[in-house]
Amino acid sequence: MTVREQPVTPREQPVTTGEREASLHRVVARIGVVTRDFAASGAYPFKSYDLGRGPMNLLFALSQSDGASVSELADGLRVTSSAVSQTVDALRAVGLVTSETNPADRRSRIIRLTDAARIEVDQFQRAYFDGIAPRFDALSVAEIVELDRILSLVRDPGLRVRSLHDSSGTS
């Protein structure tokens, strides 16, 4: 592990549009390298199900909540409710999700991962973390905290399903 003598500090001079774009290209390329290296390992969940991107997105979206309605999933994934319903039906048929009547609104259904699906997602996420974490060994705790803060500012176009226990309605 390499330890830096001087911490990285923000520049005091304004960054030009060209410098910003060049830096952003480097950041995206570095993220891509990390992602491709992990993908090359061949580790991914639900191999035996031969799932496409849509069903995988839905499963990972559900892993971030304790359940979601079809309309919440559709909004978060930016697809139609019909597409979500068809995907949910297929995933229910193979035992990866459940669909229950929403006690707060009996007209809608709450979709949840089955225990087996949640275990598989959790195991994959643990393996992913364990595979990626060593890339950050050169960073101090303060730098990791700062990286977390910076990445939290990056707009996340992914699913924003509120917890069913969150009555505020916020994401």
C-alpha atoms as a PDB file:
ATOM      1  CA  MET A   1       0.000   0.000   0.000  1.00  0.00           C
ATOM      2  CA  THR A   2       1.346   3.404  -0.963  1.00  0.00           C
ATOM      3  CA  VAL A   3       0.919   6.192   1.539  1.00  0.00           C
ATOM      4  CA  ARG A   4       0.881   9.757   0.244  1.00  0.00           C
ATOM      5  CA  GLU A   5       2.979  12.394   1.988  1.00  0.00           C
ATOM      6  CA  GLN A   6       0.515  15.176   1.107  1.00  0.00           C
ATOM      7  CA  PRO A   7      -3.263  14.811   1.009  1.00  0.00           C
ATOM      8  CA  VAL A   8      -5.012  15.674  -2.227  1.00  0.00           C
ATOM      9  CA  THR A   9      -6.442  19.170  -1.947  1.00  0.00           C
ATOM     10  CA  PRO A  10      -8.862  20.979  -4.242  1.00  0.00           C
ATOM     11  CA  ARG A  11      -7.371  23.405  -6.756  1.00  0.00           C
ATOM     12  CA  GLU A  12      -7.793  27.060  -6.014  1.00  0.00           C
ATOM     13  CA  GLN A  13      -7.878  28.062  -9.683  1.00  0.00           C
ATOM     14  CA  PRO A  14     -11.020  27.529 -11.735  1.00  0.00           C
ATOM     15  CA  VAL A  15     -11.075  24.461 -13.938  1.00  0.00           C
ATOM     16  CA  THR A  16     -11.818  24.998 -17.603  1.00  0.00           C
ATOM     17  CA  THR A  17     -14.607  23.146 -19.377  1.00  0.00           C
ATOM     18  CA  GLY A  18     -11.992  21.169 -21.305  1.00  0.00           C
ATOM     19  CA  GLU A  19     -10.151  20.168 -18.114  1.00  0.00           C
ATOM     20  CA  ARG A  20     -13.419  19.177 -16.455  1.00  0.00           C
ATOM     21  CA  GLU A  21     -14.416  17.035 -19.416  1.00  0.00           C
ATOM     22  CA  ALA A  22     -10.978  15.392 -19.632  1.00  0.00           C
ATOM     23  CA  SER A  23     -11.064  14.631 -15.909  1.00  0.00           C
ATOM     24  CA  LEU A  24     -14.577  13.236 -16.164  1.00  0.00           C
ATOM     25  CA  HIS A  25     -13.469  10.970 -19.043  1.00  0.00           C
ATOM     26  CA  ARG A  26     -10.641   9.643 -16.847  1.00  0.00           C
ATOM     27  CA  VAL A  27     -13.030   9.019 -13.939  1.00  0.00           C
ATOM     28  CA  VAL A  28     -15.502   7.157 -16.154  1.00  0.00           C
ATOM     29  CA  ALA A  29     -12.675   5.128 -17.729  1.00  0.00           C
ATOM     30  CA  ARG A  30     -11.344   4.148 -14.290  1.00  0.00           C
ATOM     31  CA  ILE A  31     -14.801   3.084 -13.140  1.00  0.00           C
ATOM     32  CA  GLY A  32     -15.136   1.082 -16.359  1.00  0.00           C
ATOM     33  CA  VAL A  33     -11.839  -0.733 -15.731  1.00  0.00           C
ATOM     34  CA  VAL A  34     -12.943  -1.767 -12.245  1.00  0.00           C
ATOM     35  CA  THR A  35     -16.330  -2.915 -13.515  1.00  0.00           C
ATOM     36  CA  ARG A  36     -14.865  -4.823 -16.499  1.00  0.00           C
ATOM     37  CA  ASP A  37     -12.262  -6.533 -14.321  1.00  0.00           C
ATOM     38  CA  PHE A  38     -14.965  -7.826 -12.014  1.00  0.00           C
ATOM     39  CA  ALA A  39     -17.213  -8.815 -14.931  1.00  0.00           C
ATOM     40  CA  ALA A  40     -14.317 -10.750 -16.463  1.00  0.00           C
ATOM     41  CA  SER A  41     -14.262 -12.937 -13.350  1.00  0.00           C
ATOM     42  CA  GLY A  42     -17.569 -14.392 -14.547  1.00  0.00           C
ATOM     43  CA  ALA A  43     -19.218 -13.810 -11.196  1.00  0.00           C
ATOM     44  CA  TYR A  44     -22.833 -12.791 -11.482  1.00  0.00           C
ATOM     45  CA  PRO A  45     -26.005 -13.893  -9.743  1.00  0.00           C
ATOM     46  CA  PHE A  46     -28.818 -16.073 -11.020  1.00  0.00           C
ATOM     47  CA  LYS A  47     -26.652 -17.800 -13.653  1.00  0.00           C
ATOM     48  CA  SER A  48     -28.950 -20.799 -13.825  1.00  0.00           C
ATOM     49  CA  TYR A  49     -31.925 -18.585 -14.724  1.00  0.00           C
ATOM     50  CA  ASP A  50     -30.430 -16.964 -17.838  1.00  0.00           C
ATOM     51  CA  LEU A  51     -31.962 -13.599 -16.950  1.00  0.00           C
ATOM     52  CA  GLY A  52     -31.724 -10.547 -19.155  1.00  0.00           C
ATOM     53  CA  ARG A  53     -30.881  -7.041 -18.070  1.00  0.00           C
ATOM     54  CA  GLY A  54     -34.492  -6.048 -17.281  1.00  0.00           C
ATOM     55  CA  PRO A  55     -35.174  -8.860 -14.806  1.00  0.00           C
ATOM     56  CA  MET A  56     -31.739  -8.367 -13.215  1.00  0.00           C
ATOM     57  CA  ASN A  57     -32.407  -4.634 -12.816  1.00  0.00           C
ATOM     58  CA  LEU A  58     -35.726  -5.401 -11.180  1.00  0.00           C
ATOM     59  CA  LEU A  59     -34.172  -7.928  -8.772  1.00  0.00           C
ATOM     60  CA  PHE A  60     -31.420  -5.518  -7.738  1.00  0.00           C
ATOM     61  CA  ALA A  61     -33.937  -2.703  -7.364  1.00  0.00           C
ATOM     62  CA  LEU A  62     -35.983  -4.898  -5.036  1.00  0.00           C
ATOM     63  CA  SER A  63     -32.847  -5.757  -3.066  1.00  0.00           C
ATOM     64  CA  GLN A  64     -32.613  -2.088  -2.071  1.00  0.00           C
ATOM     65  CA  SER A  65     -36.050  -2.030  -0.463  1.00  0.00           C
ATOM     66  CA  ASP A  66     -38.344  -4.160   1.611  1.00  0.00           C
ATOM     67  CA  GLY A  67     -40.811  -4.333  -1.250  1.00  0.00           C
ATOM     68  CA  ALA A  68     -42.294  -2.131  -3.927  1.00  0.00           C
ATOM     69  CA  SER A  69     -45.473  -1.806  -5.957  1.00  0.00           C
ATOM     70  CA  VAL A  70     -45.513  -2.387  -9.697  1.00  0.00           C
ATOM     71  CA  SER A  71     -45.975   1.343 -10.296  1.00  0.00           C
ATOM     72  CA  GLU A  72     -43.055   2.240  -7.993  1.00  0.00           C
ATOM     73  CA  LEU A  73     -40.850  -0.249  -9.828  1.00  0.00           C
ATOM     74  CA  ALA A  74     -41.992   1.041 -13.207  1.00  0.00           C
ATOM     75  CA  ASP A  75     -41.297   4.650 -12.215  1.00  0.00           C
ATOM     76  CA  GLY A  76     -37.906   3.822 -10.744  1.00  0.00           C
ATOM     77  CA  LEU A  77     -36.801   1.643 -13.630  1.00  0.00           C
ATOM     78  CA  ARG A  78     -38.308   3.996 -16.207  1.00  0.00           C
ATOM     79  CA  VAL A  79     -40.354   1.305 -17.914  1.00  0.00           C
ATOM     80  CA  THR A  80     -44.073   0.691 -18.251  1.00  0.00           C
ATOM     81  CA  SER A  81     -46.151  -0.972 -15.568  1.00  0.00           C
ATOM     82  CA  SER A  82     -46.998  -3.623 -18.131  1.00  0.00           C
ATOM     83  CA  ALA A  83     -43.302  -4.430 -18.622  1.00  0.00           C
ATOM     84  CA  VAL A  84     -42.814  -4.703 -14.862  1.00  0.00           C
ATOM     85  CA  SER A  85     -45.905  -6.903 -14.505  1.00  0.00           C
ATOM     86  CA  GLN A  86     -44.674  -9.277 -17.207  1.00  0.00           C
ATOM     87  CA  THR A  87     -41.217  -9.437 -15.625  1.00  0.00           C
ATOM     88  CA  VAL A  88     -42.699 -10.004 -12.160  1.00  0.00           C
ATOM     89  CA  ASP A  89     -44.869 -12.832 -13.518  1.00  0.00           C
ATOM     90  CA  ALA A  90     -41.801 -14.512 -15.047  1.00  0.00           C
ATOM     91  CA  LEU A  91     -39.761 -14.058 -11.862  1.00  0.00           C
ATOM     92  CA  ARG A  92     -42.612 -15.387  -9.721  1.00  0.00           C
ATOM     93  CA  ALA A  93     -42.844 -18.460 -11.952  1.00  0.00           C
ATOM     94  CA  VAL A  94     -39.214 -19.339 -11.162  1.00  0.00           C
ATOM     95  CA  GLY A  95     -39.504 -18.476  -7.468  1.00  0.00           C
ATOM     96  CA  LEU A  96     -37.423 -15.300  -7.289  1.00  0.00           C
ATOM     97  CA  VAL A  97     -40.110 -12.817  -6.223  1.00  0.00           C
ATOM     98  CA  THR A  98     -43.392 -12.840  -4.345  1.00  0.00           C
ATOM     99  CA  SER A  99     -46.440 -10.695  -4.918  1.00  0.00           C
ATOM    100  CA  GLU A 100     -48.685  -9.863  -1.973  1.00  0.00           C
ATOM    101  CA  THR A 101     -51.690  -7.623  -1.498  1.00  0.00           C
ATOM    102  CA  ASN A 102     -50.637  -4.229  -0.173  1.00  0.00           C
ATOM    103  CA  PRO A 103     -52.255  -3.900   3.283  1.00  0.00           C
ATOM    104  CA  ALA A 104     -52.306  -0.092   2.921  1.00  0.00           C
ATOM    105  CA  ASP A 105     -54.022  -0.220  -0.486  1.00  0.00           C
ATOM    106  CA  ARG A 106     -55.679  -3.523  -1.298  1.00  0.00           C
ATOM    107  CA  ARG A 107     -55.908  -2.526  -4.979  1.00  0.00           C
ATOM    108  CA  SER A 108     -52.126  -2.791  -5.399  1.00  0.00           C
ATOM    109  CA  ARG A 109     -49.564  -5.503  -4.843  1.00  0.00           C
ATOM    110  CA  ILE A 110     -46.208  -5.445  -3.098  1.00  0.00           C
ATOM    111  CA  ILE A 111     -43.400  -7.242  -4.906  1.00  0.00           C
ATOM    112  CA  ARG A 112     -40.586  -8.665  -2.790  1.00  0.00           C
ATOM    113  CA  LEU A 113     -37.555 -10.876  -3.300  1.00  0.00           C
ATOM    114  CA  THR A 114     -37.914 -14.408  -2.035  1.00  0.00           C
ATOM    115  CA  ASP A 115     -35.506 -15.408   0.720  1.00  0.00           C
ATOM    116  CA  ALA A 116     -33.498 -17.464  -1.784  1.00  0.00           C
ATOM    117  CA  ALA A 117     -33.241 -14.514  -4.205  1.00  0.00           C
ATOM    118  CA  ARG A 118     -32.226 -12.144  -1.402  1.00  0.00           C
ATOM    119  CA  ILE A 119     -29.490 -14.561  -0.296  1.00  0.00           C
ATOM    120  CA  GLU A 120     -28.183 -14.798  -3.862  1.00  0.00           C
ATOM    121  CA  VAL A 121     -28.152 -11.011  -4.281  1.00  0.00           C
ATOM    122  CA  ASP A 122     -26.457 -10.576  -0.895  1.00  0.00           C
ATOM    123  CA  GLN A 123     -23.798 -13.176  -1.746  1.00  0.00           C
ATOM    124  CA  PHE A 124     -23.135 -11.511  -5.091  1.00  0.00           C
ATOM    125  CA  GLN A 125     -22.889  -8.061  -3.530  1.00  0.00           C
ATOM    126  CA  ARG A 126     -20.463  -9.413  -0.898  1.00  0.00           C
ATOM    127  CA  ALA A 127     -18.305 -11.034  -3.613  1.00  0.00           C
ATOM    128  CA  TYR A 128     -18.409  -7.820  -5.641  1.00  0.00           C
ATOM    129  CA  PHE A 129     -17.368  -5.769  -2.615  1.00  0.00           C
ATOM    130  CA  ASP A 130     -14.599  -8.220  -1.730  1.00  0.00           C
ATOM    131  CA  GLY A 131     -13.336  -8.118  -5.326  1.00  0.00           C
ATOM    132  CA  ILE A 132     -13.438  -4.334  -5.619  1.00  0.00           C
ATOM    133  CA  ALA A 133     -12.348  -3.265  -2.119  1.00  0.00           C
ATOM    134  CA  PRO A 134      -8.618  -3.965  -2.600  1.00  0.00           C
ATOM    135  CA  ARG A 135      -8.533  -1.331  -5.347  1.00  0.00           C
ATOM    136  CA  PHE A 136      -9.107   1.259  -2.633  1.00  0.00           C
ATOM    137  CA  ASP A 137      -6.350   0.081  -0.288  1.00  0.00           C
ATOM    138  CA  ALA A 138      -4.155   3.074  -1.182  1.00  0.00           C
ATOM    139  CA  LEU A 139      -6.802   5.502   0.074  1.00  0.00           C
ATOM    140  CA  SER A 140      -6.938   6.741   3.639  1.00  0.00           C
ATOM    141  CA  VAL A 141     -10.159   6.573   5.621  1.00  0.00           C
ATOM    142  CA  ALA A 142     -10.587  10.332   5.106  1.00  0.00           C
ATOM    143  CA  GLU A 143     -10.158   9.932   1.341  1.00  0.00           C
ATOM    144  CA  ILE A 144     -12.728   7.120   1.232  1.00  0.00           C
ATOM    145  CA  VAL A 145     -15.162   9.267   3.205  1.00  0.00           C
ATOM    146  CA  GLU A 146     -14.542  12.142   0.771  1.00  0.00           C
ATOM    147  CA  LEU A 147     -14.990   9.823  -2.234  1.00  0.00           C
ATOM    148  CA  ASP A 148     -18.276   8.655  -0.740  1.00  0.00           C
ATOM    149  CA  ARG A 149     -19.378  12.265  -0.299  1.00  0.00           C
ATOM    150  CA  ILE A 150     -18.414  13.165  -3.867  1.00  0.00           C
ATOM    151  CA  LEU A 151     -20.089  10.112  -5.407  1.00  0.00           C
ATOM    152  CA  SER A 152     -23.256  10.863  -3.437  1.00  0.00           C
ATOM    153  CA  LEU A 153     -23.491  14.047  -5.497  1.00  0.00           C
ATOM    154  CA  VAL A 154     -23.551  12.081  -8.753  1.00  0.00           C
ATOM    155  CA  ARG A 155     -27.110  11.891  -9.971  1.00  0.00           C
ATOM    156  CA  ASP A 156     -28.416   8.353  -9.675  1.00  0.00           C
ATOM    157  CA  PRO A 157     -30.907   7.581 -12.437  1.00  0.00           C
ATOM    158  CA  GLY A 158     -31.619   4.203 -10.847  1.00  0.00           C
ATOM    159  CA  LEU A 159     -34.536   3.069  -8.777  1.00  0.00           C
ATOM    160  CA  ARG A 160     -35.756   5.248  -5.948  1.00  0.00           C
ATOM    161  CA  VAL A 161     -38.211   3.006  -4.153  1.00  0.00           C
ATOM    162  CA  ARG A 162     -39.082   4.283  -0.715  1.00  0.00           C
ATOM    163  CA  SER A 163     -39.226   1.874   2.146  1.00  0.00           C
ATOM    164  CA  LEU A 164     -42.722   0.670   2.922  1.00  0.00           C
ATOM    165  CA  HIS A 165     -42.033   1.782   6.488  1.00  0.00           C
ATOM    166  CA  ASP A 166     -41.175   5.329   5.359  1.00  0.00           C
ATOM    167  CA  SER A 167     -44.383   7.279   5.638  1.00  0.00           C
ATOM    168  CA  SER A 168     -42.761  10.499   4.436  1.00  0.00           C
ATOM    169  CA  GLY A 169     -43.039   9.436   0.809  1.00  0.00           C
ATOM    170  CA  THR A 170     -39.505  10.611   0.109  1.00  0.00           C
ATOM    171  CA  SER A 171     -36.893   8.601  -1.700  1.00  0.00           C
END
